[in-house]
C-alpha atoms as a PDB file:
ATOM      1  CA  MET A   1       0.000   0.000   0.000  1.00  0.00           C
ATOM      2  CA  ASN A   2       1.360   3.399  -0.952  1.00  0.00           C
ATOM      3  CA  LEU A   3      -0.048   6.916  -0.856  1.00  0.00           C
ATOM      4  CA  PHE A   4      -1.171   6.879  -4.492  1.00  0.00           C
ATOM      5  CA  SER A   5      -3.213   3.694  -3.956  1.00  0.00           C
ATOM      6  CA  SER A   6      -6.095   5.925  -2.807  1.00  0.00           C
ATOM      7  CA  PHE A   7      -6.468   6.938  -6.469  1.00  0.00           C
ATOM      8  CA  ASP A   8      -6.621   3.352  -7.747  1.00  0.00           C
ATOM      9  CA  PRO A   9      -9.930   2.266  -9.312  1.00  0.00           C
ATOM     10  CA  SER A  10     -11.739  -0.065  -6.935  1.00  0.00           C
ATOM     11  CA  ALA A  11     -14.393  -2.522  -8.087  1.00  0.00           C
ATOM     12  CA  ASN A  12     -17.153  -4.508  -6.374  1.00  0.00           C
ATOM     13  CA  TRP A  13     -18.802  -7.731  -7.543  1.00  0.00           C
ATOM     14  CA  SER A  14     -16.166  -8.055 -10.290  1.00  0.00           C
ATOM     15  CA  ILE A  15     -17.721  -5.078 -12.128  1.00  0.00           C
ATOM     16  CA  SER A  16     -15.551  -2.021 -12.744  1.00  0.00           C
ATOM     17  CA  SER A  17     -18.209   0.624 -12.205  1.00  0.00           C
ATOM     18  CA  ASN A  18     -15.812   3.518 -11.492  1.00  0.00           C
ATOM     19  CA  TRP A  19     -15.989   5.034 -14.942  1.00  0.00           C
ATOM     20  CA  ILE A  20     -19.778   5.435 -14.632  1.00  0.00           C
ATOM     21  CA  SER A  21     -18.977   8.698 -12.809  1.00  0.00           C
ATOM     22  CA  THR A  22     -17.977  10.229 -16.170  1.00  0.00           C
ATOM     23  CA  ALA A  23     -21.614  10.021 -17.310  1.00  0.00           C
ATOM     24  CA  MET A  24     -23.338  10.852 -14.007  1.00  0.00           C
ATOM     25  CA  CYS A  25     -23.728  14.514 -14.979  1.00  0.00           C
ATOM     26  CA  LEU A  26     -26.332  13.444 -17.547  1.00  0.00           C
ATOM     27  CA  VAL A  27     -28.425  11.999 -14.712  1.00  0.00           C
ATOM     28  CA  MET A  28     -27.814  14.888 -12.324  1.00  0.00           C
ATOM     29  CA  ILE A  29     -28.816  17.697 -14.707  1.00  0.00           C
ATOM     30  CA  PRO A  30     -32.080  16.690 -16.462  1.00  0.00           C
ATOM     31  CA  SER A  31     -32.620  20.126 -18.051  1.00  0.00           C
ATOM     32  CA  MET A  32     -34.980  18.682 -20.663  1.00  0.00           C
ATOM     33  CA  PHE A  33     -37.664  18.205 -17.983  1.00  0.00           C
ATOM     34  CA  TRP A  34     -37.874  21.937 -17.194  1.00  0.00           C
ATOM     35  CA  LEU A  35     -40.799  23.752 -18.788  1.00  0.00           C
ATOM     36  CA  ILE A  36     -39.150  27.131 -18.149  1.00  0.00           C
ATOM     37  CA  PRO A  37     -35.308  27.315 -18.099  1.00  0.00           C
ATOM     38  CA  SER A  38     -34.000  27.191 -14.539  1.00  0.00           C
ATOM     39  CA  ARG A  39     -31.337  29.487 -13.080  1.00  0.00           C
ATOM     40  CA  LEU A  40     -28.798  26.730 -13.649  1.00  0.00           C
ATOM     41  CA  ASN A  41     -29.796  26.668 -17.315  1.00  0.00           C
ATOM     42  CA  PHE A  42     -29.426  30.438 -17.584  1.00  0.00           C
ATOM     43  CA  ILE A  43     -25.931  30.246 -16.048  1.00  0.00           C
ATOM     44  CA  TRP A  44     -24.936  27.428 -18.391  1.00  0.00           C
ATOM     45  CA  ILE A  45     -26.272  29.263 -21.479  1.00  0.00           C
ATOM     46  CA  LYS A  46     -24.284  32.345 -20.418  1.00  0.00           C
ATOM     47  CA  ILE A  47     -21.092  30.269 -19.982  1.00  0.00           C
ATOM     48  CA  THR A  48     -21.469  28.507 -23.348  1.00  0.00           C
ATOM     49  CA  SER A  49     -22.225  31.737 -25.223  1.00  0.00           C
ATOM     50  CA  THR A  50     -19.141  33.405 -23.676  1.00  0.00           C
ATOM     51  CA  LEU A  51     -16.952  30.415 -24.582  1.00  0.00           C
ATOM     52  CA  HIS A  52     -18.415  30.377 -28.106  1.00  0.00           C
ATOM     53  CA  LYS A  53     -17.463  34.036 -28.639  1.00  0.00           C
ATOM     54  CA  GLU A  54     -13.940  33.466 -27.307  1.00  0.00           C
ATOM     55  CA  PHE A  55     -13.288  30.278 -29.295  1.00  0.00           C
ATOM     56  CA  LYS A  56     -14.740  31.888 -32.421  1.00  0.00           C
ATOM     57  CA  THR A  57     -12.175  34.698 -32.074  1.00  0.00           C
ATOM     58  CA  LEU A  58      -9.356  32.143 -31.817  1.00  0.00           C
ATOM     59  CA  LEU A  59     -10.563  29.893 -34.634  1.00  0.00           C
ATOM     60  CA  GLY A  60     -11.659  32.639 -37.049  1.00  0.00           C
ATOM     61  CA  PRO A  61     -15.064  33.712 -38.363  1.00  0.00           C
ATOM     62  CA  SER A  62     -15.309  30.895 -40.938  1.00  0.00           C
ATOM     63  CA  SER A  63     -15.352  28.091 -38.311  1.00  0.00           C
ATOM     64  CA  THR A  64     -18.517  28.916 -36.350  1.00  0.00           C
ATOM     65  CA  GLY A  65     -19.674  25.335 -35.743  1.00  0.00           C
ATOM     66  CA  ALA A  66     -16.192  24.125 -34.746  1.00  0.00           C
ATOM     67  CA  THR A  67     -16.550  25.788 -31.336  1.00  0.00           C
ATOM     68  CA  LEU A  68     -19.122  23.143 -30.331  1.00  0.00           C
ATOM     69  CA  ILE A  69     -16.528  20.375 -29.952  1.00  0.00           C
ATOM     70  CA  PHE A  70     -14.350  22.557 -27.675  1.00  0.00           C
ATOM     71  CA  ILE A  71     -17.327  23.708 -25.564  1.00  0.00           C
ATOM     72  CA  SER A  72     -18.360  20.041 -25.191  1.00  0.00           C
ATOM     73  CA  LEU A  73     -14.791  19.167 -24.202  1.00  0.00           C
ATOM     74  CA  PHE A  74     -14.804  21.939 -21.590  1.00  0.00           C
ATOM     75  CA  ALA A  75     -18.160  20.753 -20.193  1.00  0.00           C
ATOM     76  CA  PHE A  76     -17.057  17.099 -20.056  1.00  0.00           C
ATOM     77  CA  ILE A  77     -13.803  17.847 -18.198  1.00  0.00           C
ATOM     78  CA  LEU A  78     -15.494  20.367 -15.876  1.00  0.00           C
ATOM     79  CA  MET A  79     -18.202  17.869 -14.824  1.00  0.00           C
ATOM     80  CA  ASN A  80     -15.633  15.118 -14.212  1.00  0.00           C
ATOM     81  CA  ASN A  81     -13.419  17.456 -12.198  1.00  0.00           C
ATOM     82  CA  PHE A  82     -16.337  18.488 -10.010  1.00  0.00           C
ATOM     83  CA  MET A  83     -17.552  14.902  -9.586  1.00  0.00           C
ATOM     84  CA  GLY A  84     -14.142  14.048  -8.144  1.00  0.00           C
ATOM     85  CA  LEU A  85     -14.623  16.618  -5.357  1.00  0.00           C
ATOM     86  CA  PHE A  86     -17.502  14.610  -3.856  1.00  0.00           C
ATOM     87  CA  PRO A  87     -16.562  11.950  -1.289  1.00  0.00           C
ATOM     88  CA  TYR A  88     -16.248   8.316  -2.425  1.00  0.00           C
ATOM     89  CA  ILE A  89     -16.532   9.209  -6.132  1.00  0.00           C
ATOM     90  CA  PHE A  90     -13.820   8.078  -8.530  1.00  0.00           C
ATOM     91  CA  THR A  91     -11.876  11.010 -10.061  1.00  0.00           C
ATOM     92  CA  SER A  92     -11.544   9.935 -13.675  1.00  0.00           C
ATOM     93  CA  THR A  93      -9.620  13.044 -14.819  1.00  0.00           C
ATOM     94  CA  SER A  94      -6.745  12.232 -12.438  1.00  0.00           C
ATOM     95  CA  HIS A  95      -5.917   9.185 -14.583  1.00  0.00           C
ATOM     96  CA  MET A  96      -3.849   9.366 -17.762  1.00  0.00           C
ATOM     97  CA  THR A  97      -6.193   6.778 -19.287  1.00  0.00           C
ATOM     98  CA  LEU A  98      -8.856   9.458 -19.719  1.00  0.00           C
ATOM     99  CA  THR A  99      -6.749  12.593 -20.209  1.00  0.00           C
ATOM    100  CA  LEU A 100      -4.497  11.020 -22.850  1.00  0.00           C
ATOM    101  CA  SER A 101      -7.563   9.550 -24.571  1.00  0.00           C
ATOM    102  CA  LEU A 102      -8.884  13.108 -24.930  1.00  0.00           C
ATOM    103  CA  ALA A 103      -5.610  14.828 -25.892  1.00  0.00           C
ATOM    104  CA  LEU A 104      -4.033  12.309 -28.273  1.00  0.00           C
ATOM    105  CA  PRO A 105      -6.902  11.924 -30.834  1.00  0.00           C
ATOM    106  CA  LEU A 106      -7.408  15.713 -30.917  1.00  0.00           C
ATOM    107  CA  TRP A 107      -3.712  16.421 -31.539  1.00  0.00           C
ATOM    108  CA  LEU A 108      -3.422  13.591 -34.095  1.00  0.00           C
ATOM    109  CA  THR A 109      -6.461  14.897 -35.991  1.00  0.00           C
ATOM    110  CA  PHE A 110      -5.048  18.436 -36.084  1.00  0.00           C
ATOM    111  CA  MET A 111      -1.652  17.198 -37.283  1.00  0.00           C
ATOM    112  CA  LEU A 112      -3.136  14.992 -40.025  1.00  0.00           C
ATOM    113  CA  PHE A 113      -5.438  17.789 -41.196  1.00  0.00           C
ATOM    114  CA  GLY A 114      -2.591  20.317 -41.242  1.00  0.00           C
ATOM    115  CA  TRP A 115      -0.019  18.139 -43.018  1.00  0.00           C
ATOM    116  CA  ILE A 116      -2.514  16.879 -45.635  1.00  0.00           C
ATOM    117  CA  ASN A 117      -4.267  20.182 -46.453  1.00  0.00           C
ATOM    118  CA  ASN A 118      -1.740  22.897 -45.518  1.00  0.00           C
ATOM    119  CA  THR A 119       1.633  21.202 -46.007  1.00  0.00           C
ATOM    120  CA  ILE A 120       3.558  24.356 -46.983  1.00  0.00           C
ATOM    121  CA  HIS A 121       2.118  26.249 -44.009  1.00  0.00           C
ATOM    122  CA  MET A 122       3.118  23.428 -41.643  1.00  0.00           C
ATOM    123  CA  PHE A 123       6.681  23.400 -42.995  1.00  0.00           C
ATOM    124  CA  ALA A 124       6.849  27.204 -42.675  1.00  0.00           C
ATOM    125  CA  HIS A 125       5.586  26.950 -39.094  1.00  0.00           C
ATOM    126  CA  LEU A 126       8.675  24.914 -38.122  1.00  0.00           C
ATOM    127  CA  VAL A 127      10.897  27.975 -38.652  1.00  0.00           C
ATOM    128  CA  PRO A 128       9.610  31.140 -36.951  1.00  0.00           C
ATOM    129  CA  GLN A 129       9.844  34.392 -38.897  1.00  0.00           C
ATOM    130  CA  GLY A 130      13.136  36.271 -38.473  1.00  0.00           C
ATOM    131  CA  THR A 131      15.194  33.223 -37.438  1.00  0.00           C
ATOM    132  CA  PRO A 132      18.912  33.545 -38.434  1.00  0.00           C
ATOM    133  CA  PRO A 133      20.007  30.949 -41.054  1.00  0.00           C
ATOM    134  CA  VAL A 134      22.541  29.427 -38.621  1.00  0.00           C
ATOM    135  CA  LEU A 135      19.822  28.582 -36.086  1.00  0.00           C
ATOM    136  CA  MET A 136      17.289  27.195 -38.592  1.00  0.00           C
ATOM    137  CA  PRO A 137      18.203  23.466 -38.185  1.00  0.00           C
ATOM    138  CA  PHE A 138      18.012  23.816 -34.380  1.00  0.00           C
ATOM    139  CA  MET A 139      14.675  25.648 -34.571  1.00  0.00           C
ATOM    140  CA  VAL A 140      13.228  22.865 -36.747  1.00  0.00           C
ATOM    141  CA  CYS A 141      14.274  20.278 -34.119  1.00  0.00           C
ATOM    142  CA  ILE A 142      12.906  22.373 -31.229  1.00  0.00           C
ATOM    143  CA  GLU A 143       9.577  23.087 -32.980  1.00  0.00           C
ATOM    144  CA  THR A 144       9.182  19.414 -33.940  1.00  0.00           C
ATOM    145  CA  ILE A 145       9.799  18.271 -30.356  1.00  0.00           C
ATOM    146  CA  SER A 146       7.387  20.894 -28.985  1.00  0.00           C
ATOM    147  CA  ASN A 147       4.726  19.694 -31.448  1.00  0.00           C
ATOM    148  CA  VAL A 148       5.220  16.029 -30.572  1.00  0.00           C
ATOM    149  CA  ILE A 149       5.017  16.514 -26.786  1.00  0.00           C
ATOM    150  CA  ARG A 150       1.816  18.578 -26.936  1.00  0.00           C
ATOM    151  CA  PRO A 151      -0.652  15.725 -26.223  1.00  0.00           C
ATOM    152  CA  GLY A 152       1.542  14.555 -23.337  1.00  0.00           C
ATOM    153  CA  THR A 153       1.705  18.031 -21.777  1.00  0.00           C
ATOM    154  CA  LEU A 154      -2.071  18.472 -22.158  1.00  0.00           C
ATOM    155  CA  ALA A 155      -2.781  15.116 -20.488  1.00  0.00           C
ATOM    156  CA  ILE A 156      -0.161  15.424 -17.718  1.00  0.00           C
ATOM    157  CA  ARG A 157      -1.162  19.013 -16.849  1.00  0.00           C
ATOM    158  CA  LEU A 158      -4.782  18.003 -16.232  1.00  0.00           C
ATOM    159  CA  SER A 159      -4.118  14.756 -14.346  1.00  0.00           C
ATOM    160  CA  ALA A 160      -1.237  16.190 -12.258  1.00  0.00           C
ATOM    161  CA  ASN A 161      -3.300  19.171 -11.117  1.00  0.00           C
ATOM    162  CA  MET A 162      -6.192  16.902 -10.160  1.00  0.00           C
ATOM    163  CA  ILE A 163      -3.928  14.469  -8.277  1.00  0.00           C
ATOM    164  CA  ALA A 164      -1.964  17.222  -6.460  1.00  0.00           C
ATOM    165  CA  GLY A 165      -4.986  18.786  -4.757  1.00  0.00           C
ATOM    166  CA  HIS A 166      -6.596  15.459  -3.867  1.00  0.00           C
ATOM    167  CA  LEU A 167      -3.291  14.155  -2.518  1.00  0.00           C
ATOM    168  CA  LEU A 168      -2.815  17.211  -0.296  1.00  0.00           C
ATOM    169  CA  MET A 169      -6.346  16.855   1.084  1.00  0.00           C
ATOM    170  CA  THR A 170      -5.765  13.128   1.725  1.00  0.00           C
ATOM    171  CA  LEU A 171      -2.481  13.826   3.541  1.00  0.00           C
ATOM    172  CA  LEU A 172      -4.058  16.483   5.754  1.00  0.00           C
ATOM    173  CA  GLY A 173      -7.136  14.321   6.394  1.00  0.00           C
ATOM    174  CA  ASN A 174      -5.011  11.376   7.560  1.00  0.00           C
ATOM    175  CA  THR A 175      -3.340  13.497  10.257  1.00  0.00           C
ATOM    176  CA  GLY A 176      -6.675  14.370  11.905  1.00  0.00           C
ATOM    177  CA  ALA A 177      -6.751  11.311  14.186  1.00  0.00           C
ATOM    178  CA  THR A 178      -3.466  12.262  15.907  1.00  0.00           C
ATOM    179  CA  LEU A 179      -4.266  15.948  16.521  1.00  0.00           C
ATOM    180  CA  SER A 180      -5.837  17.722  19.471  1.00  0.00           C
ATOM    181  CA  ILE A 181      -9.358  19.152  19.314  1.00  0.00           C
ATOM    182  CA  TRP A 182      -8.083  22.692  18.637  1.00  0.00           C
ATOM    183  CA  MET A 183      -5.835  21.546  15.830  1.00  0.00           C
ATOM    184  CA  VAL A 184      -8.703  19.547  14.304  1.00  0.00           C
ATOM    185  CA  GLU A 185     -10.788  22.728  14.092  1.00  0.00           C
ATOM    186  CA  ILE A 186      -7.931  24.484  12.263  1.00  0.00           C
ATOM    187  CA  LEU A 187      -7.537  21.415  10.040  1.00  0.00           C
ATOM    188  CA  ILE A 188     -11.229  21.542   9.057  1.00  0.00           C
ATOM    189  CA  ILE A 189     -10.918  25.240   8.109  1.00  0.00           C
ATOM    190  CA  VAL A 190      -7.791  24.485   6.041  1.00  0.00           C
ATOM    191  CA  GLN A 191      -9.583  21.565   4.355  1.00  0.00           C
ATOM    192  CA  LEU A 192     -12.528  23.803   3.460  1.00  0.00           C
ATOM    193  CA  LEU A 193     -10.184  26.407   1.983  1.00  0.00           C
ATOM    194  CA  LEU A 194      -8.431  23.652   0.017  1.00  0.00           C
ATOM    195  CA  LEU A 195     -11.790  22.436  -1.254  1.00  0.00           C
ATOM    196  CA  LEU A 196     -12.536  25.967  -2.462  1.00  0.00           C
ATOM    197  CA  LEU A 197      -9.147  26.067  -4.172  1.00  0.00           C
ATOM    198  CA  GLU A 198      -9.813  22.674  -5.786  1.00  0.00           C
ATOM    199  CA  SER A 199     -13.132  23.981  -7.130  1.00  0.00           C
ATOM    200  CA  ALA A 200     -11.278  26.879  -8.762  1.00  0.00           C
ATOM    201  CA  VAL A 201      -8.612  24.492 -10.128  1.00  0.00           C
ATOM    202  CA  SER A 202     -11.379  22.275 -11.604  1.00  0.00           C
ATOM    203  CA  ILE A 203     -12.765  25.221 -13.582  1.00  0.00           C
ATOM    204  CA  ILE A 204      -9.348  26.609 -14.590  1.00  0.00           C
ATOM    205  CA  GLN A 205      -7.939  23.262 -15.773  1.00  0.00           C
ATOM    206  CA  SER A 206     -10.960  22.443 -17.934  1.00  0.00           C
ATOM    207  CA  TYR A 207     -10.778  25.947 -19.436  1.00  0.00           C
ATOM    208  CA  VAL A 208      -7.015  25.658 -20.062  1.00  0.00           C
ATOM    209  CA  PHE A 209      -7.438  22.251 -21.757  1.00  0.00           C
ATOM    210  CA  ALA A 210     -10.184  23.584 -24.064  1.00  0.00           C
ATOM    211  CA  VAL A 211      -8.338  26.832 -24.903  1.00  0.00           C
ATOM    212  CA  LEU A 212      -5.043  25.064 -25.681  1.00  0.00           C
ATOM    213  CA  SER A 213      -6.892  22.570 -27.914  1.00  0.00           C
ATOM    214  CA  THR A 214      -8.468  25.544 -29.716  1.00  0.00           C
ATOM    215  CA  LEU A 215      -5.075  27.204 -30.169  1.00  0.00           C
ATOM    216  CA  TYR A 216      -3.548  23.995 -31.565  1.00  0.00           C
ATOM    217  CA  SER A 217      -6.478  23.749 -33.966  1.00  0.00           C
ATOM    218  CA  SER A 218      -6.124  27.358 -35.153  1.00  0.00           C
ATOM    219  CA  GLU A 219      -2.412  26.832 -35.865  1.00  0.00           C
ATOM    220  CA  VAL A 220      -3.020  24.139 -38.504  1.00  0.00           C
ATOM    221  CA  ASN A 221      -5.944  25.876 -40.206  1.00  0.00           C
END
């Protein structure tokens, strides 16, 4: 048993039901049953319209419908991040199985689209404008490496941020049994502040993942 074993998927009755948490948001938010849009619906419509305007600026005016995939990606990661903040619920976004499954197909699609349709542009992108001729071979190597590691950095950034906060809360929670009553009260306040921080990290990380995916898409188009 090690510290990271608390993040291991656990299964009962020989059925791995942990990944069901990725689809629980569909059960928790039945907006289709509302006759009049609720306040939650109004908030969500406001968020999606703001994201649509921002992604449209990054992608260009010709790709209006392309923002839908990035808004859906943001919503999916945000719901999974928040589900992980509830007790006894499996945090799927803290595992590279999910984060790499989101990042790798996106990056591979962008690369294939760029190299097939805009080959000259992709070659030109390997050497930034104004690079001295002596440094050109090095810049090609650096740009190629930075392109190749993009899906890894996307996946690791999301999972590492999710694990870090949960791990800190687990470490602090395990010390509660050995503390005095006054220290436990301070510990609870610290845990609540950490939970607030984790909520902010959940929103920020899903936004960062979606924005970086949008930027990678706009580079090849």
